[in-house]
Amino acid sequence: MALPLIKLGLAAAAGYFLYNRYRRSHATGSTTNASDAVDDIELGSNPTVDEKLDAGVQETFPASDPVSISQPSETAYEAAQRRKSS
């Protein structure tokens, strides 16, 4: 009974060793420099909606933030200031 367990342990150890060696030899993750993508964003004097959308997508790289090309909504503080002044 002990011999099959020893064989199983040796096979598992060999598999673990080979897996770690393979994993270390293959690069993982993105090789893109995120600052390169953000530094090149330029919009003309009268950009189209598509150009604004493309710039918005570039600004969110590499994060997964949602793209928004519209004006931001009014915050509670801004609403209170507007009501106070009128």
C-alpha atoms as a PDB file:
ATOM      1  CA  MET A   1       0.000   0.000   0.000  1.00  0.00           C
ATOM      2  CA  ALA A   2       2.842   2.433   0.726  1.00  0.00           C
ATOM      3  CA  LEU A   3       4.554   1.949  -2.652  1.00  0.00           C
ATOM      4  CA  PRO A   4       1.638   3.316  -4.772  1.00  0.00           C
ATOM      5  CA  LEU A   5       1.384   6.343  -2.461  1.00  0.00           C
ATOM      6  CA  ILE A   6       5.101   7.021  -2.818  1.00  0.00           C
ATOM      7  CA  LYS A   7       4.807   6.760  -6.615  1.00  0.00           C
ATOM      8  CA  LEU A   8       1.839   9.117  -6.561  1.00  0.00           C
ATOM      9  CA  GLY A   9       3.762  11.596  -4.394  1.00  0.00           C
ATOM     10  CA  LEU A  10       6.782  11.487  -6.705  1.00  0.00           C
ATOM     11  CA  ALA A  11       4.577  11.984  -9.775  1.00  0.00           C
ATOM     12  CA  ALA A  12       2.836  14.954  -8.127  1.00  0.00           C
ATOM     13  CA  ALA A  13       6.155  16.503  -7.112  1.00  0.00           C
ATOM     14  CA  ALA A  14       7.567  16.065 -10.631  1.00  0.00           C
ATOM     15  CA  GLY A  15       4.420  17.601 -12.128  1.00  0.00           C
ATOM     16  CA  TYR A  16       4.594  20.554  -9.757  1.00  0.00           C
ATOM     17  CA  PHE A  17       8.282  21.092 -10.556  1.00  0.00           C
ATOM     18  CA  LEU A  18       7.696  20.985 -14.319  1.00  0.00           C
ATOM     19  CA  TYR A  19       4.662  23.285 -14.053  1.00  0.00           C
ATOM     20  CA  ASN A  20       6.636  25.920 -12.122  1.00  0.00           C
ATOM     21  CA  ARG A  21       9.556  25.690 -14.538  1.00  0.00           C
ATOM     22  CA  TYR A  22       7.208  26.144 -17.512  1.00  0.00           C
ATOM     23  CA  ARG A  23       5.367  29.031 -15.830  1.00  0.00           C
ATOM     24  CA  ARG A  24       8.577  30.925 -15.080  1.00  0.00           C
ATOM     25  CA  SER A  25       9.912  30.499 -18.607  1.00  0.00           C
ATOM     26  CA  HIS A  26       6.826  32.015 -20.269  1.00  0.00           C
ATOM     27  CA  ALA A  27       6.174  35.723 -19.709  1.00  0.00           C
ATOM     28  CA  THR A  28       2.712  36.608 -18.517  1.00  0.00           C
ATOM     29  CA  GLY A  29       0.887  39.907 -18.439  1.00  0.00           C
ATOM     30  CA  SER A  30       0.899  42.861 -20.754  1.00  0.00           C
ATOM     31  CA  THR A  31       4.078  44.055 -22.391  1.00  0.00           C
ATOM     32  CA  THR A  32       2.491  47.410 -23.245  1.00  0.00           C
ATOM     33  CA  ASN A  33       3.664  50.460 -21.350  1.00  0.00           C
ATOM     34  CA  ALA A  34       0.503  52.184 -20.119  1.00  0.00           C
ATOM     35  CA  SER A  35       2.076  55.645 -20.069  1.00  0.00           C
ATOM     36  CA  ASP A  36       2.802  55.400 -23.815  1.00  0.00           C
ATOM     37  CA  ALA A  37      -0.896  54.975 -24.568  1.00  0.00           C
ATOM     38  CA  VAL A  38      -1.989  57.896 -22.387  1.00  0.00           C
ATOM     39  CA  ASP A  39       0.732  60.335 -23.494  1.00  0.00           C
ATOM     40  CA  ASP A  40      -0.375  60.362 -27.143  1.00  0.00           C
ATOM     41  CA  ILE A  41      -3.953  61.619 -26.649  1.00  0.00           C
ATOM     42  CA  GLU A  42      -4.628  64.726 -28.721  1.00  0.00           C
ATOM     43  CA  LEU A  43      -7.957  66.212 -29.778  1.00  0.00           C
ATOM     44  CA  GLY A  44      -8.361  68.877 -32.428  1.00  0.00           C
ATOM     45  CA  SER A  45     -10.197  72.174 -31.983  1.00  0.00           C
ATOM     46  CA  ASN A  46     -13.610  70.717 -32.898  1.00  0.00           C
ATOM     47  CA  PRO A  47     -13.488  66.941 -32.271  1.00  0.00           C
ATOM     48  CA  THR A  48     -16.265  64.640 -33.449  1.00  0.00           C
ATOM     49  CA  VAL A  49     -18.093  62.280 -31.114  1.00  0.00           C
ATOM     50  CA  ASP A  50     -16.039  59.375 -32.465  1.00  0.00           C
ATOM     51  CA  GLU A  51     -12.785  61.211 -31.772  1.00  0.00           C
ATOM     52  CA  LYS A  52     -13.945  61.991 -28.218  1.00  0.00           C
ATOM     53  CA  LEU A  53     -14.889  58.348 -27.718  1.00  0.00           C
ATOM     54  CA  ASP A  54     -11.504  57.159 -29.011  1.00  0.00           C
ATOM     55  CA  ALA A  55      -9.723  59.575 -26.670  1.00  0.00           C
ATOM     56  CA  GLY A  56     -11.892  58.399 -23.777  1.00  0.00           C
ATOM     57  CA  VAL A  57     -10.998  54.772 -24.474  1.00  0.00           C
ATOM     58  CA  GLN A  58      -7.298  55.648 -24.587  1.00  0.00           C
ATOM     59  CA  GLU A  59      -7.540  57.520 -21.263  1.00  0.00           C
ATOM     60  CA  THR A  60      -8.976  54.478 -19.503  1.00  0.00           C
ATOM     61  CA  PHE A  61      -6.166  52.151 -20.615  1.00  0.00           C
ATOM     62  CA  PRO A  62      -5.189  49.815 -18.939  1.00  0.00           C
ATOM     63  CA  ALA A  63      -7.924  50.129 -16.321  1.00  0.00           C
ATOM     64  CA  SER A  64     -11.475  48.983 -16.885  1.00  0.00           C
ATOM     65  CA  ASP A  65     -13.179  52.285 -16.107  1.00  0.00           C
ATOM     66  CA  PRO A  66     -16.305  52.988 -18.152  1.00  0.00           C
ATOM     67  CA  VAL A  67     -15.876  55.500 -20.967  1.00  0.00           C
ATOM     68  CA  SER A  68     -17.821  58.754 -20.635  1.00  0.00           C
ATOM     69  CA  ILE A  69     -17.710  61.500 -23.246  1.00  0.00           C
ATOM     70  CA  SER A  70     -20.617  63.525 -21.859  1.00  0.00           C
ATOM     71  CA  GLN A  71     -20.487  66.277 -19.271  1.00  0.00           C
ATOM     72  CA  PRO A  72     -20.329  64.937 -15.703  1.00  0.00           C
ATOM     73  CA  SER A  73     -23.520  65.235 -13.701  1.00  0.00           C
ATOM     74  CA  GLU A  74     -23.879  67.834 -10.973  1.00  0.00           C
ATOM     75  CA  THR A  75     -22.649  66.761  -7.541  1.00  0.00           C
ATOM     76  CA  ALA A  76     -24.681  67.300  -4.369  1.00  0.00           C
ATOM     77  CA  TYR A  77     -22.264  70.042  -3.284  1.00  0.00           C
ATOM     78  CA  GLU A  78     -22.616  71.855  -6.605  1.00  0.00           C
ATOM     79  CA  ALA A  79     -26.420  71.595  -6.434  1.00  0.00           C
ATOM     80  CA  ALA A  80     -26.436  73.039  -2.903  1.00  0.00           C
ATOM     81  CA  GLN A  81     -24.173  75.898  -4.005  1.00  0.00           C
ATOM     82  CA  ARG A  82     -26.430  76.613  -6.985  1.00  0.00           C
ATOM     83  CA  ARG A  83     -29.562  76.650  -4.783  1.00  0.00           C
ATOM     84  CA  LYS A  84     -27.818  78.858  -2.233  1.00  0.00           C
ATOM     85  CA  SER A  85     -26.783  81.437  -4.828  1.00  0.00           C
ATOM     86  CA  SER A  86     -30.237  81.651  -6.518  1.00  0.00           C
END
